[in-house]
Amino acid sequence: MDKKTINLKPCPFCGSEDVKVMQYLGEMQYLGECPNCRATSALAEQSCTDPGDPTEWNRRTSSWISVDDRLPETVGSFLIVADGRVGIAQWHPGWGFWINHGGATAAVCPAHWQDLPEAP
């Protein structure tokens, strides 16, 4: 199948329209991949042999907020994207900077953030 016929939506993390179909493990799996922020997602619920199924990539919607647009108004922990990786960081409006979660006290500089999902 011609990969140009696959209609992938823009990256849900960074908004780039330069998303590509990448083939891995021979012809056993196809991934949607964003070269801008390095996000990847399988193109179907299972490893697929049909690169023409963009279901998984296209069903994702973005709730990411650019730090250039706004910052959280309250103290709390948030999902962040920094250097193309998703993590958790703490924000306090009075500090004016993000602190990495997970025991490290290093400041991080995310490009995007969103609220943590509710626990199951």
PDB file of N, CA and C in Angstrom:
ATOM      1  N   MET A   1       0.839  -1.177   0.000  1.00  0.00           N
ATOM      2  CA  MET A   1       0.000   0.000   0.000  1.00  0.00           C
ATOM      3  C   MET A   1       0.887   1.245   0.000  1.00  0.00           C
ATOM      4  N   ASP A   2       0.512   2.229  -0.766  1.00  0.00           N
ATOM      5  CA  ASP A   2       1.247   3.483  -0.840  1.00  0.00           C
ATOM      6  C   ASP A   2       1.039   4.265   0.452  1.00  0.00           C
ATOM      7  N   LYS A   3       2.120   4.537   1.182  1.00  0.00           N
ATOM      8  CA  LYS A   3       2.010   5.204   2.480  1.00  0.00           C
ATOM      9  C   LYS A   3       1.453   6.616   2.362  1.00  0.00           C
ATOM     10  N   LYS A   4       1.542   7.224   1.192  1.00  0.00           N
ATOM     11  CA  LYS A   4       1.028   8.578   1.026  1.00  0.00           C
ATOM     12  C   LYS A   4      -0.496   8.616   1.067  1.00  0.00           C
ATOM     13  N   THR A   5      -1.167   7.473   0.910  1.00  0.00           N
ATOM     14  CA  THR A   5      -2.622   7.451   0.914  1.00  0.00           C
ATOM     15  C   THR A   5      -3.184   7.379   2.334  1.00  0.00           C
ATOM     16  N   ILE A   6      -2.341   7.207   3.338  1.00  0.00           N
ATOM     17  CA  ILE A   6      -2.797   7.117   4.717  1.00  0.00           C
ATOM     18  C   ILE A   6      -2.989   8.524   5.249  1.00  0.00           C
ATOM     19  N   ASN A   7      -4.177   8.807   5.745  1.00  0.00           N
ATOM     20  CA  ASN A   7      -4.505  10.144   6.210  1.00  0.00           C
ATOM     21  C   ASN A   7      -4.345  10.232   7.722  1.00  0.00           C
ATOM     22  N   LEU A   8      -3.170  10.664   8.177  1.00  0.00           N
ATOM     23  CA  LEU A   8      -2.921  10.830   9.605  1.00  0.00           C
ATOM     24  C   LEU A   8      -3.222  12.266  10.011  1.00  0.00           C
ATOM     25  N   LYS A   9      -3.889  12.422  11.149  1.00  0.00           N
ATOM     26  CA  LYS A   9      -4.141  13.757  11.680  1.00  0.00           C
ATOM     27  C   LYS A   9      -2.840  14.325  12.241  1.00  0.00           C
ATOM     28  N   PRO A  10      -2.780  15.643  12.473  1.00  0.00           N
ATOM     29  CA  PRO A  10      -1.574  16.239  13.062  1.00  0.00           C
ATOM     30  C   PRO A  10      -1.249  15.619  14.417  1.00  0.00           C
ATOM     31  N   CYS A  11      -0.005  15.758  14.828  1.00  0.00           N
ATOM     32  CA  CYS A  11       0.440  15.221  16.113  1.00  0.00           C
ATOM     33  C   CYS A  11      -0.386  15.813  17.247  1.00  0.00           C
ATOM     34  N   PRO A  12      -0.951  14.958  18.128  1.00  0.00           N
ATOM     35  CA  PRO A  12      -1.759  15.479  19.230  1.00  0.00           C
ATOM     36  C   PRO A  12      -0.936  16.131  20.340  1.00  0.00           C
ATOM     37  N   PHE A  13       0.388  15.980  20.288  1.00  0.00           N
ATOM     38  CA  PHE A  13       1.234  16.560  21.326  1.00  0.00           C
ATOM     39  C   PHE A  13       1.774  17.927  20.927  1.00  0.00           C
ATOM     40  N   CYS A  14       2.296  18.029  19.704  1.00  0.00           N
ATOM     41  CA  CYS A  14       2.908  19.298  19.309  1.00  0.00           C
ATOM     42  C   CYS A  14       2.178  19.986  18.155  1.00  0.00           C
ATOM     43  N   GLY A  15       1.217  19.297  17.527  1.00  0.00           N
ATOM     44  CA  GLY A  15       0.453  19.900  16.446  1.00  0.00           C
ATOM     45  C   GLY A  15       1.110  19.829  15.080  1.00  0.00           C
ATOM     46  N   SER A  16       2.295  19.250  14.989  1.00  0.00           N
ATOM     47  CA  SER A  16       2.994  19.159  13.710  1.00  0.00           C
ATOM     48  C   SER A  16       2.185  18.344  12.709  1.00  0.00           C
ATOM     49  N   GLU A  17       2.152  18.805  11.483  1.00  0.00           N
ATOM     50  CA  GLU A  17       1.477  18.069  10.418  1.00  0.00           C
ATOM     51  C   GLU A  17       2.449  17.164   9.671  1.00  0.00           C
ATOM     52  N   ASP A  18       3.694  17.162  10.076  1.00  0.00           N
ATOM     53  CA  ASP A  18       4.725  16.370   9.411  1.00  0.00           C
ATOM     54  C   ASP A  18       4.820  14.968  10.009  1.00  0.00           C
ATOM     55  N   VAL A  19       3.668  14.331  10.266  1.00  0.00           N
ATOM     56  CA  VAL A  19       3.672  12.980  10.820  1.00  0.00           C
ATOM     57  C   VAL A  19       3.900  11.974   9.700  1.00  0.00           C
ATOM     58  N   LYS A  20       4.545  10.880  10.038  1.00  0.00           N
ATOM     59  CA  LYS A  20       4.932   9.893   9.043  1.00  0.00           C
ATOM     60  C   LYS A  20       4.510   8.501   9.493  1.00  0.00           C
ATOM     61  N   VAL A  21       4.407   7.609   8.550  1.00  0.00           N
ATOM     62  CA  VAL A  21       4.171   6.199   8.849  1.00  0.00           C
ATOM     63  C   VAL A  21       5.522   5.513   8.836  1.00  0.00           C
ATOM     64  N   MET A  22       5.855   4.864   9.939  1.00  0.00           N
ATOM     65  CA  MET A  22       7.123   4.145  10.047  1.00  0.00           C
ATOM     66  C   MET A  22       6.823   2.659  10.160  1.00  0.00           C
ATOM     67  N   GLN A  23       7.649   1.855   9.513  1.00  0.00           N
ATOM     68  CA  GLN A  23       7.461   0.407   9.525  1.00  0.00           C
ATOM     69  C   GLN A  23       8.520  -0.219  10.420  1.00  0.00           C
ATOM     70  N   TYR A  24       8.073  -1.073  11.347  1.00  0.00           N
ATOM     71  CA  TYR A  24       8.980  -1.726  12.283  1.00  0.00           C
ATOM     72  C   TYR A  24       8.780  -3.227  12.235  1.00  0.00           C
ATOM     73  N   LEU A  25       9.795  -3.947  12.647  1.00  0.00           N
ATOM     74  CA  LEU A  25       9.745  -5.405  12.731  1.00  0.00           C
ATOM     75  C   LEU A  25       9.319  -6.017  11.401  1.00  0.00           C
ATOM     76  N   GLY A  26      10.040  -5.669  10.359  1.00  0.00           N
ATOM     77  CA  GLY A  26       9.672  -6.165   9.033  1.00  0.00           C
ATOM     78  C   GLY A  26       8.379  -5.517   8.610  1.00  0.00           C
ATOM     79  N   GLU A  27       7.394  -6.318   8.313  1.00  0.00           N
ATOM     80  CA  GLU A  27       6.082  -5.780   7.956  1.00  0.00           C
ATOM     81  C   GLU A  27       5.064  -6.073   9.046  1.00  0.00           C
ATOM     82  N   MET A  28       5.511  -6.265  10.285  1.00  0.00           N
ATOM     83  CA  MET A  28       4.602  -6.695  11.339  1.00  0.00           C
ATOM     84  C   MET A  28       3.952  -5.543  12.093  1.00  0.00           C
ATOM     85  N   GLN A  29       4.524  -4.352  12.056  1.00  0.00           N
ATOM     86  CA  GLN A  29       3.912  -3.259  12.794  1.00  0.00           C
ATOM     87  C   GLN A  29       4.196  -1.935  12.103  1.00  0.00           C
ATOM     88  N   TYR A  30       3.181  -1.100  12.064  1.00  0.00           N
ATOM     89  CA  TYR A  30       3.311   0.230  11.507  1.00  0.00           C
ATOM     90  C   TYR A  30       2.955   1.231  12.593  1.00  0.00           C
ATOM     91  N   LEU A  31       3.752   2.281  12.691  1.00  0.00           N
ATOM     92  CA  LEU A  31       3.527   3.305  13.709  1.00  0.00           C
ATOM     93  C   LEU A  31       3.357   4.664  13.048  1.00  0.00           C
ATOM     94  N   GLY A  32       2.502   5.492  13.643  1.00  0.00           N
ATOM     95  CA  GLY A  32       2.494   6.895  13.298  1.00  0.00           C
ATOM     96  C   GLY A  32       3.601   7.535  14.111  1.00  0.00           C
ATOM     97  N   GLU A  33       4.393   8.392  13.500  1.00  0.00           N
ATOM     98  CA  GLU A  33       5.518   8.987  14.219  1.00  0.00           C
ATOM     99  C   GLU A  33       5.649  10.456  13.861  1.00  0.00           C
ATOM    100  N   CYS A  34       5.876  11.268  14.885  1.00  0.00           N
ATOM    101  CA  CYS A  34       6.090  12.696  14.685  1.00  0.00           C
ATOM    102  C   CYS A  34       7.582  12.988  14.826  1.00  0.00           C
ATOM    103  N   PRO A  35       8.251  13.397  13.756  1.00  0.00           N
ATOM    104  CA  PRO A  35       9.681  13.701  13.870  1.00  0.00           C
ATOM    105  C   PRO A  35       9.966  14.968  14.673  1.00  0.00           C
ATOM    106  N   ASN A  36       8.965  15.798  14.871  1.00  0.00           N
ATOM    107  CA  ASN A  36       9.160  17.039  15.613  1.00  0.00           C
ATOM    108  C   ASN A  36       9.326  16.784  17.115  1.00  0.00           C
ATOM    109  N   CYS A  37       8.385  16.012  17.723  1.00  0.00           N
ATOM    110  CA  CYS A  37       8.457  15.764  19.171  1.00  0.00           C
ATOM    111  C   CYS A  37       8.708  14.292  19.498  1.00  0.00           C
ATOM    112  N   ARG A  38       8.844  13.452  18.502  1.00  0.00           N
ATOM    113  CA  ARG A  38       9.159  12.025  18.615  1.00  0.00           C
ATOM    114  C   ARG A  38       8.029  11.189  19.213  1.00  0.00           C
ATOM    115  N   ALA A  39       6.797  11.687  19.181  1.00  0.00           N
ATOM    116  CA  ALA A  39       5.659  10.888  19.643  1.00  0.00           C
ATOM    117  C   ALA A  39       5.417   9.751  18.662  1.00  0.00           C
ATOM    118  N   THR A  40       5.025   8.591  19.173  1.00  0.00           N
ATOM    119  CA  THR A  40       4.694   7.452  18.316  1.00  0.00           C
ATOM    120  C   THR A  40       3.420   6.792  18.821  1.00  0.00           C
ATOM    121  N   SER A  41       2.724   6.123  17.913  1.00  0.00           N
ATOM    122  CA  SER A  41       1.545   5.351  18.280  1.00  0.00           C
ATOM    123  C   SER A  41       1.307   4.308  17.206  1.00  0.00           C
ATOM    124  N   ALA A  42       0.902   3.104  17.654  1.00  0.00           N
ATOM    125  CA  ALA A  42       0.523   2.073  16.700  1.00  0.00           C
ATOM    126  C   ALA A  42      -0.639   2.594  15.864  1.00  0.00           C
ATOM    127  N   LEU A  43      -0.727   2.149  14.623  1.00  0.00           N
ATOM    128  CA  LEU A  43      -1.801   2.612  13.754  1.00  0.00           C
ATOM    129  C   LEU A  43      -3.061   1.782  13.897  1.00  0.00           C
ATOM    130  N   ALA A  44      -3.042   0.756  14.718  1.00  0.00           N
ATOM    131  CA  ALA A  44      -4.239  -0.040  14.995  1.00  0.00           C
ATOM    132  C   ALA A  44      -4.128  -0.558  16.418  1.00  0.00           C
ATOM    133  N   GLU A  45      -5.209  -1.116  16.950  1.00  0.00           N
ATOM    134  CA  GLU A  45      -5.201  -1.567  18.338  1.00  0.00           C
ATOM    135  C   GLU A  45      -4.192  -2.680  18.578  1.00  0.00           C
ATOM    136  N   GLN A  46      -3.968  -3.516  17.620  1.00  0.00           N
ATOM    137  CA  GLN A  46      -2.991  -4.593  17.716  1.00  0.00           C
ATOM    138  C   GLN A  46      -1.845  -4.263  16.776  1.00  0.00           C
ATOM    139  N   SER A  47      -0.770  -5.034  16.864  1.00  0.00           N
ATOM    140  CA  SER A  47       0.251  -4.911  15.832  1.00  0.00           C
ATOM    141  C   SER A  47      -0.445  -5.204  14.519  1.00  0.00           C
ATOM    142  N   CYS A  48      -0.285  -4.346  13.571  1.00  0.00           N
ATOM    143  CA  CYS A  48      -1.086  -4.495  12.362  1.00  0.00           C
ATOM    144  C   CYS A  48      -0.224  -4.823  11.161  1.00  0.00           C
ATOM    145  N   THR A  49      -0.818  -5.493  10.234  1.00  0.00           N
ATOM    146  CA  THR A  49      -0.138  -5.791   8.979  1.00  0.00           C
ATOM    147  C   THR A  49      -0.655  -4.889   7.884  1.00  0.00           C
ATOM    148  N   ASP A  50      -1.624  -4.040   8.189  1.00  0.00           N
ATOM    149  CA  ASP A  50      -2.182  -3.117   7.207  1.00  0.00           C
ATOM    150  C   ASP A  50      -1.803  -1.691   7.588  1.00  0.00           C
ATOM    151  N   PRO A  51      -0.853  -1.088   6.883  1.00  0.00           N
ATOM    152  CA  PRO A  51      -0.437   0.267   7.249  1.00  0.00           C
ATOM    153  C   PRO A  51      -1.487   1.315   6.912  1.00  0.00           C
ATOM    154  N   GLY A  52      -2.608   0.894   6.338  1.00  0.00           N
ATOM    155  CA  GLY A  52      -3.634   1.843   5.952  1.00  0.00           C
ATOM    156  C   GLY A  52      -4.656   2.118   7.032  1.00  0.00           C
ATOM    157  N   ASP A  53      -4.444   1.615   8.262  1.00  0.00           N
ATOM    158  CA  ASP A  53      -5.409   1.806   9.333  1.00  0.00           C
ATOM    159  C   ASP A  53      -4.869   2.791  10.358  1.00  0.00           C
ATOM    160  N   PRO A  54      -5.234   4.071  10.263  1.00  0.00           N
ATOM    161  CA  PRO A  54      -4.730   5.082  11.196  1.00  0.00           C
ATOM    162  C   PRO A  54      -5.611   5.270  12.430  1.00  0.00           C
ATOM    163  N   THR A  55      -6.440   4.282  12.766  1.00  0.00           N
ATOM    164  CA  THR A  55      -7.435   4.423  13.828  1.00  0.00           C
ATOM    165  C   THR A  55      -6.843   4.944  15.128  1.00  0.00           C
ATOM    166  N   GLU A  56      -5.810   4.279  15.651  1.00  0.00           N
ATOM    167  CA  GLU A  56      -5.273   4.658  16.955  1.00  0.00           C
ATOM    168  C   GLU A  56      -4.669   6.057  16.935  1.00  0.00           C
ATOM    169  N   TRP A  57      -3.885   6.368  15.914  1.00  0.00           N
ATOM    170  CA  TRP A  57      -3.269   7.696  15.845  1.00  0.00           C
ATOM    171  C   TRP A  57      -4.345   8.775  15.756  1.00  0.00           C
ATOM    172  N   ASN A  58      -5.311   8.576  14.907  1.00  0.00           N
ATOM    173  CA  ASN A  58      -6.312   9.606  14.649  1.00  0.00           C
ATOM    174  C   ASN A  58      -7.359   9.748  15.748  1.00  0.00           C
ATOM    175  N   ARG A  59      -7.533   8.749  16.611  1.00  0.00           N
ATOM    176  CA  ARG A  59      -8.560   8.863  17.640  1.00  0.00           C
ATOM    177  C   ARG A  59      -8.092   9.698  18.826  1.00  0.00           C
ATOM    178  N   ARG A  60      -6.796   9.909  18.939  1.00  0.00           N
ATOM    179  CA  ARG A  60      -6.280  10.681  20.061  1.00  0.00           C
ATOM    180  C   ARG A  60      -6.589  12.153  19.860  1.00  0.00           C
ATOM    181  N   THR A  61      -7.024  12.784  20.892  1.00  0.00           N
ATOM    182  CA  THR A  61      -7.235  14.224  20.848  1.00  0.00           C
ATOM    183  C   THR A  61      -6.290  14.862  21.856  1.00  0.00           C
ATOM    184  N   SER A  62      -5.916  16.030  21.579  1.00  0.00           N
ATOM    185  CA  SER A  62      -4.939  16.685  22.437  1.00  0.00           C
ATOM    186  C   SER A  62      -5.608  17.536  23.503  1.00  0.00           C
ATOM    187  N   SER A  63      -5.176  17.334  24.723  1.00  0.00           N
ATOM    188  CA  SER A  63      -5.576  18.243  25.790  1.00  0.00           C
ATOM    189  C   SER A  63      -4.333  18.940  26.337  1.00  0.00           C
ATOM    190  N   TRP A  64      -3.250  18.872  25.556  1.00  0.00           N
ATOM    191  CA  TRP A  64      -2.007  19.525  25.947  1.00  0.00           C
ATOM    192  C   TRP A  64      -2.140  21.028  25.774  1.00  0.00           C
ATOM    193  N   ILE A  65      -1.587  21.763  26.703  1.00  0.00           N
ATOM    194  CA  ILE A  65      -1.613  23.223  26.681  1.00  0.00           C
ATOM    195  C   ILE A  65      -0.177  23.704  26.577  1.00  0.00           C
ATOM    196  N   SER A  66       0.082  24.546  25.616  1.00  0.00           N
ATOM    197  CA  SER A  66       1.420  25.098  25.455  1.00  0.00           C
ATOM    198  C   SER A  66       1.732  26.047  26.608  1.00  0.00           C
ATOM    199  N   VAL A  67       2.955  25.971  27.140  1.00  0.00           N
ATOM    200  CA  VAL A  67       3.344  26.904  28.206  1.00  0.00           C
ATOM    201  C   VAL A  67       3.415  28.331  27.669  1.00  0.00           C
ATOM    202  N   ASP A  68       3.490  28.477  26.343  1.00  0.00           N
ATOM    203  CA  ASP A  68       3.464  29.810  25.742  1.00  0.00           C
ATOM    204  C   ASP A  68       2.061  30.408  25.780  1.00  0.00           C
ATOM    205  N   ASP A  69       1.033  29.514  25.816  1.00  0.00           N
ATOM    206  CA  ASP A  69      -0.356  30.000  25.860  1.00  0.00           C
ATOM    207  C   ASP A  69      -0.782  30.352  27.273  1.00  0.00           C
ATOM    208  N   ARG A  70      -0.492  29.452  28.225  1.00  0.00           N
ATOM    209  CA  ARG A  70      -0.813  29.730  29.624  1.00  0.00           C
ATOM    210  C   ARG A  70      -0.156  28.698  30.528  1.00  0.00           C
ATOM    211  N   LEU A  71      -0.091  29.032  31.812  1.00  0.00           N
ATOM    212  CA  LEU A  71       0.457  28.148  32.834  1.00  0.00           C
ATOM    213  C   LEU A  71      -0.642  27.813  33.836  1.00  0.00           C
ATOM    214  N   PRO A  72      -0.478  26.736  34.604  1.00  0.00           N
ATOM    215  CA  PRO A  72      -1.490  26.414  35.612  1.00  0.00           C
ATOM    216  C   PRO A  72      -1.675  27.571  36.590  1.00  0.00           C
ATOM    217  N   GLU A  73      -2.910  27.718  37.064  1.00  0.00           N
ATOM    218  CA  GLU A  73      -3.218  28.795  38.005  1.00  0.00           C
ATOM    219  C   GLU A  73      -3.106  28.351  39.457  1.00  0.00           C
ATOM    220  N   THR A  74      -2.975  27.036  39.676  1.00  0.00           N
ATOM    221  CA  THR A  74      -2.936  26.497  41.035  1.00  0.00           C
ATOM    222  C   THR A  74      -1.681  25.658  41.246  1.00  0.00           C
ATOM    223  N   VAL A  75      -1.360  25.440  42.508  1.00  0.00           N
ATOM    224  CA  VAL A  75      -0.273  24.537  42.874  1.00  0.00           C
ATOM    225  C   VAL A  75      -0.717  23.120  42.565  1.00  0.00           C
ATOM    226  N   GLY A  76       0.184  22.312  42.033  1.00  0.00           N
ATOM    227  CA  GLY A  76      -0.188  20.927  41.793  1.00  0.00           C
ATOM    228  C   GLY A  76       0.800  20.189  40.926  1.00  0.00           C
ATOM    229  N   SER A  77       0.501  18.910  40.732  1.00  0.00           N
ATOM    230  CA  SER A  77       1.287  18.055  39.848  1.00  0.00           C
ATOM    231  C   SER A  77       0.557  17.937  38.520  1.00  0.00           C
ATOM    232  N   PHE A  78       1.321  17.937  37.440  1.00  0.00           N
ATOM    233  CA  PHE A  78       0.746  17.935  36.101  1.00  0.00           C
ATOM    234  C   PHE A  78       1.567  17.021  35.193  1.00  0.00           C
ATOM    235  N   LEU A  79       0.909  16.492  34.162  1.00  0.00           N
ATOM    236  CA  LEU A  79       1.644  15.816  33.090  1.00  0.00           C
ATOM    237  C   LEU A  79       2.326  16.890  32.274  1.00  0.00           C
ATOM    238  N   ILE A  80       3.560  16.618  31.875  1.00  0.00           N
ATOM    239  CA  ILE A  80       4.298  17.582  31.057  1.00  0.00           C
ATOM    240  C   ILE A  80       4.964  16.865  29.886  1.00  0.00           C
ATOM    241  N   VAL A  81       5.302  17.623  28.857  1.00  0.00           N
ATOM    242  CA  VAL A  81       6.142  17.146  27.770  1.00  0.00           C
ATOM    243  C   VAL A  81       7.374  18.033  27.762  1.00  0.00           C
ATOM    244  N   ALA A  82       8.528  17.424  28.027  1.00  0.00           N
ATOM    245  CA  ALA A  82       9.798  18.148  28.024  1.00  0.00           C
ATOM    246  C   ALA A  82      10.806  17.326  27.232  1.00  0.00           C
ATOM    247  N   ASP A  83      11.467  17.935  26.295  1.00  0.00           N
ATOM    248  CA  ASP A  83      12.451  17.257  25.454  1.00  0.00           C
ATOM    249  C   ASP A  83      11.857  16.029  24.770  1.00  0.00           C
ATOM    250  N   GLY A  84      10.589  16.118  24.352  1.00  0.00           N
ATOM    251  CA  GLY A  84       9.945  15.031  23.635  1.00  0.00           C
ATOM    252  C   GLY A  84       9.504  13.860  24.501  1.00  0.00           C
ATOM    253  N   ARG A  85       9.592  14.000  25.817  1.00  0.00           N
ATOM    254  CA  ARG A  85       9.202  12.923  26.731  1.00  0.00           C
ATOM    255  C   ARG A  85       8.089  13.393  27.658  1.00  0.00           C
ATOM    256  N   VAL A  86       7.194  12.469  27.969  1.00  0.00           N
ATOM    257  CA  VAL A  86       6.096  12.771  28.881  1.00  0.00           C
ATOM    258  C   VAL A  86       6.522  12.407  30.299  1.00  0.00           C
ATOM    259  N   GLY A  87       6.218  13.265  31.250  1.00  0.00           N
ATOM    260  CA  GLY A  87       6.557  13.012  32.646  1.00  0.00           C
ATOM    261  C   GLY A  87       5.590  13.749  33.554  1.00  0.00           C
ATOM    262  N   ILE A  88       5.915  13.774  34.837  1.00  0.00           N
ATOM    263  CA  ILE A  88       5.113  14.485  35.825  1.00  0.00           C
ATOM    264  C   ILE A  88       5.997  15.523  36.499  1.00  0.00           C
ATOM    265  N   ALA A  89       5.470  16.718  36.665  1.00  0.00           N
ATOM    266  CA  ALA A  89       6.216  17.780  37.334  1.00  0.00           C
ATOM    267  C   ALA A  89       5.257  18.581  38.205  1.00  0.00           C
ATOM    268  N   GLN A  90       5.832  19.268  39.160  1.00  0.00           N
ATOM    269  CA  GLN A  90       5.037  20.101  40.062  1.00  0.00           C
ATOM    270  C   GLN A  90       5.201  21.560  39.671  1.00  0.00           C
ATOM    271  N   TRP A  91       4.089  22.284  39.729  1.00  0.00           N
ATOM    272  CA  TRP A  91       4.088  23.710  39.424  1.00  0.00           C
ATOM    273  C   TRP A  91       3.530  24.475  40.621  1.00  0.00           C
ATOM    274  N   HIS A  92       4.142  25.587  40.916  1.00  0.00           N
ATOM    275  CA  HIS A  92       3.643  26.497  41.946  1.00  0.00           C
ATOM    276  C   HIS A  92       3.722  27.897  41.347  1.00  0.00           C
ATOM    277  N   PRO A  93       2.580  28.579  41.209  1.00  0.00           N
ATOM    278  CA  PRO A  93       2.598  29.900  40.565  1.00  0.00           C
ATOM    279  C   PRO A  93       3.570  30.880  41.206  1.00  0.00           C
ATOM    280  N   GLY A  94       3.775  30.781  42.510  1.00  0.00           N
ATOM    281  CA  GLY A  94       4.684  31.695  43.196  1.00  0.00           C
ATOM    282  C   GLY A  94       6.151  31.444  42.865  1.00  0.00           C
ATOM    283  N   TRP A  95       6.477  30.203  42.514  1.00  0.00           N
ATOM    284  CA  TRP A  95       7.867  29.881  42.169  1.00  0.00           C
ATOM    285  C   TRP A  95       8.224  30.378  40.774  1.00  0.00           C
ATOM    286  N   GLY A  96       7.288  30.168  39.850  1.00  0.00           N
ATOM    287  CA  GLY A  96       7.549  30.550  38.464  1.00  0.00           C
ATOM    288  C   GLY A  96       8.381  29.549  37.701  1.00  0.00           C
ATOM    289  N   PHE A  97       8.541  28.330  38.237  1.00  0.00           N
ATOM    290  CA  PHE A  97       9.252  27.286  37.496  1.00  0.00           C
ATOM    291  C   PHE A  97       8.711  25.915  37.898  1.00  0.00           C
ATOM    292  N   TRP A  98       9.017  24.909  37.088  1.00  0.00           N
ATOM    293  CA  TRP A  98       8.556  23.539  37.290  1.00  0.00           C
ATOM    294  C   TRP A  98       9.628  22.731  38.016  1.00  0.00           C
ATOM    295  N   ILE A  99       9.197  21.817  38.887  1.00  0.00           N
ATOM    296  CA  ILE A  99      10.097  20.910  39.590  1.00  0.00           C
ATOM    297  C   ILE A  99       9.776  19.486  39.139  1.00  0.00           C
ATOM    298  N   ASN A 100      10.806  18.757  38.771  1.00  0.00           N
ATOM    299  CA  ASN A 100      10.651  17.378  38.318  1.00  0.00           C
ATOM    300  C   ASN A 100      10.161  16.490  39.456  1.00  0.00           C
ATOM    301  N   HIS A 101       9.194  15.642  39.178  1.00  0.00           N
ATOM    302  CA  HIS A 101       8.718  14.663  40.156  1.00  0.00           C
ATOM    303  C   HIS A 101       9.643  13.454  40.147  1.00  0.00           C
ATOM    304  N   GLY A 102       9.476  12.553  41.065  1.00  0.00           N
ATOM    305  CA  GLY A 102      10.253  11.316  41.073  1.00  0.00           C
ATOM    306  C   GLY A 102      11.512  11.418  41.909  1.00  0.00           C
ATOM    307  N   GLY A 103      11.542  12.303  42.881  1.00  0.00           N
ATOM    308  CA  GLY A 103      12.679  12.367  43.777  1.00  0.00           C
ATOM    309  C   GLY A 103      13.731  13.381  43.382  1.00  0.00           C
ATOM    310  N   ALA A 104      13.798  13.729  42.130  1.00  0.00           N
ATOM    311  CA  ALA A 104      14.794  14.715  41.707  1.00  0.00           C
ATOM    312  C   ALA A 104      14.247  16.115  41.971  1.00  0.00           C
ATOM    313  N   THR A 105      15.099  17.004  42.357  1.00  0.00           N
ATOM    314  CA  THR A 105      14.655  18.374  42.610  1.00  0.00           C
ATOM    315  C   THR A 105      15.064  19.309  41.487  1.00  0.00           C
ATOM    316  N   ALA A 106      15.461  18.741  40.378  1.00  0.00           N
ATOM    317  CA  ALA A 106      15.903  19.564  39.258  1.00  0.00           C
ATOM    318  C   ALA A 106      14.721  20.261  38.599  1.00  0.00           C
ATOM    319  N   ALA A 107      14.955  21.485  38.175  1.00  0.00           N
ATOM    320  CA  ALA A 107      13.933  22.216  37.430  1.00  0.00           C
ATOM    321  C   ALA A 107      13.855  21.638  36.023  1.00  0.00           C
ATOM    322  N   VAL A 108      12.652  21.623  35.463  1.00  0.00           N
ATOM    323  CA  VAL A 108      12.445  21.161  34.090  1.00  0.00           C
ATOM    324  C   VAL A 108      11.782  22.284  33.312  1.00  0.00           C
ATOM    325  N   CYS A 109      11.930  22.238  32.016  1.00  0.00           N
ATOM    326  CA  CYS A 109      11.361  23.267  31.141  1.00  0.00           C
ATOM    327  C   CYS A 109      10.431  22.618  30.121  1.00  0.00           C
ATOM    328  N   PRO A 110       9.189  22.342  30.508  1.00  0.00           N
ATOM    329  CA  PRO A 110       8.270  21.691  29.575  1.00  0.00           C
ATOM    330  C   PRO A 110       7.798  22.639  28.479  1.00  0.00           C
ATOM    331  N   ALA A 111       7.407  22.036  27.363  1.00  0.00           N
ATOM    332  CA  ALA A 111       6.801  22.791  26.274  1.00  0.00           C
ATOM    333  C   ALA A 111       5.279  22.782  26.400  1.00  0.00           C
ATOM    334  N   HIS A 112       4.733  21.687  26.973  1.00  0.00           N
ATOM    335  CA  HIS A 112       3.291  21.526  27.116  1.00  0.00           C
ATOM    336  C   HIS A 112       2.971  20.888  28.460  1.00  0.00           C
ATOM    337  N   TRP A 113       1.736  21.066  28.919  1.00  0.00           N
ATOM    338  CA  TRP A 113       1.282  20.478  30.172  1.00  0.00           C
ATOM    339  C   TRP A 113      -0.200  20.183  30.078  1.00  0.00           C
ATOM    340  N   GLN A 114      -0.692  19.341  30.997  1.00  0.00           N
ATOM    341  CA  GLN A 114      -2.119  19.084  31.148  1.00  0.00           C
ATOM    342  C   GLN A 114      -2.360  18.533  32.543  1.00  0.00           C
ATOM    343  N   ASP A 115      -3.624  18.561  32.990  1.00  0.00           N
ATOM    344  CA  ASP A 115      -3.975  18.006  34.288  1.00  0.00           C
ATOM    345  C   ASP A 115      -3.729  16.499  34.298  1.00  0.00           C
ATOM    346  N   LEU A 116      -3.416  15.970  35.480  1.00  0.00           N
ATOM    347  CA  LEU A 116      -3.295  14.519  35.622  1.00  0.00           C
ATOM    348  C   LEU A 116      -4.668  13.889  35.465  1.00  0.00           C
ATOM    349  N   PRO A 117      -4.741  12.703  34.868  1.00  0.00           N
ATOM    350  CA  PRO A 117      -6.042  12.025  34.797  1.00  0.00           C
ATOM    351  C   PRO A 117      -6.454  11.533  36.182  1.00  0.00           C
ATOM    352  N   GLU A 118      -7.738  11.261  36.350  1.00  0.00           N
ATOM    353  CA  GLU A 118      -8.221  10.725  37.609  1.00  0.00           C
ATOM    354  C   GLU A 118      -7.719   9.293  37.786  1.00  0.00           C
ATOM    355  N   ALA A 119      -7.438   8.918  39.024  1.00  0.00           N
ATOM    356  CA  ALA A 119      -6.999   7.546  39.310  1.00  0.00           C
ATOM    357  C   ALA A 119      -8.169   6.592  39.104  1.00  0.00           C
ATOM    358  N   PRO A 120      -7.881   5.344  38.708  1.00  0.00           N
ATOM    359  CA  PRO A 120      -8.965   4.381  38.509  1.00  0.00           C
ATOM    360  C   PRO A 120      -9.645   4.009  39.811  1.00  0.00           C
TER     361      PRO A 120
END
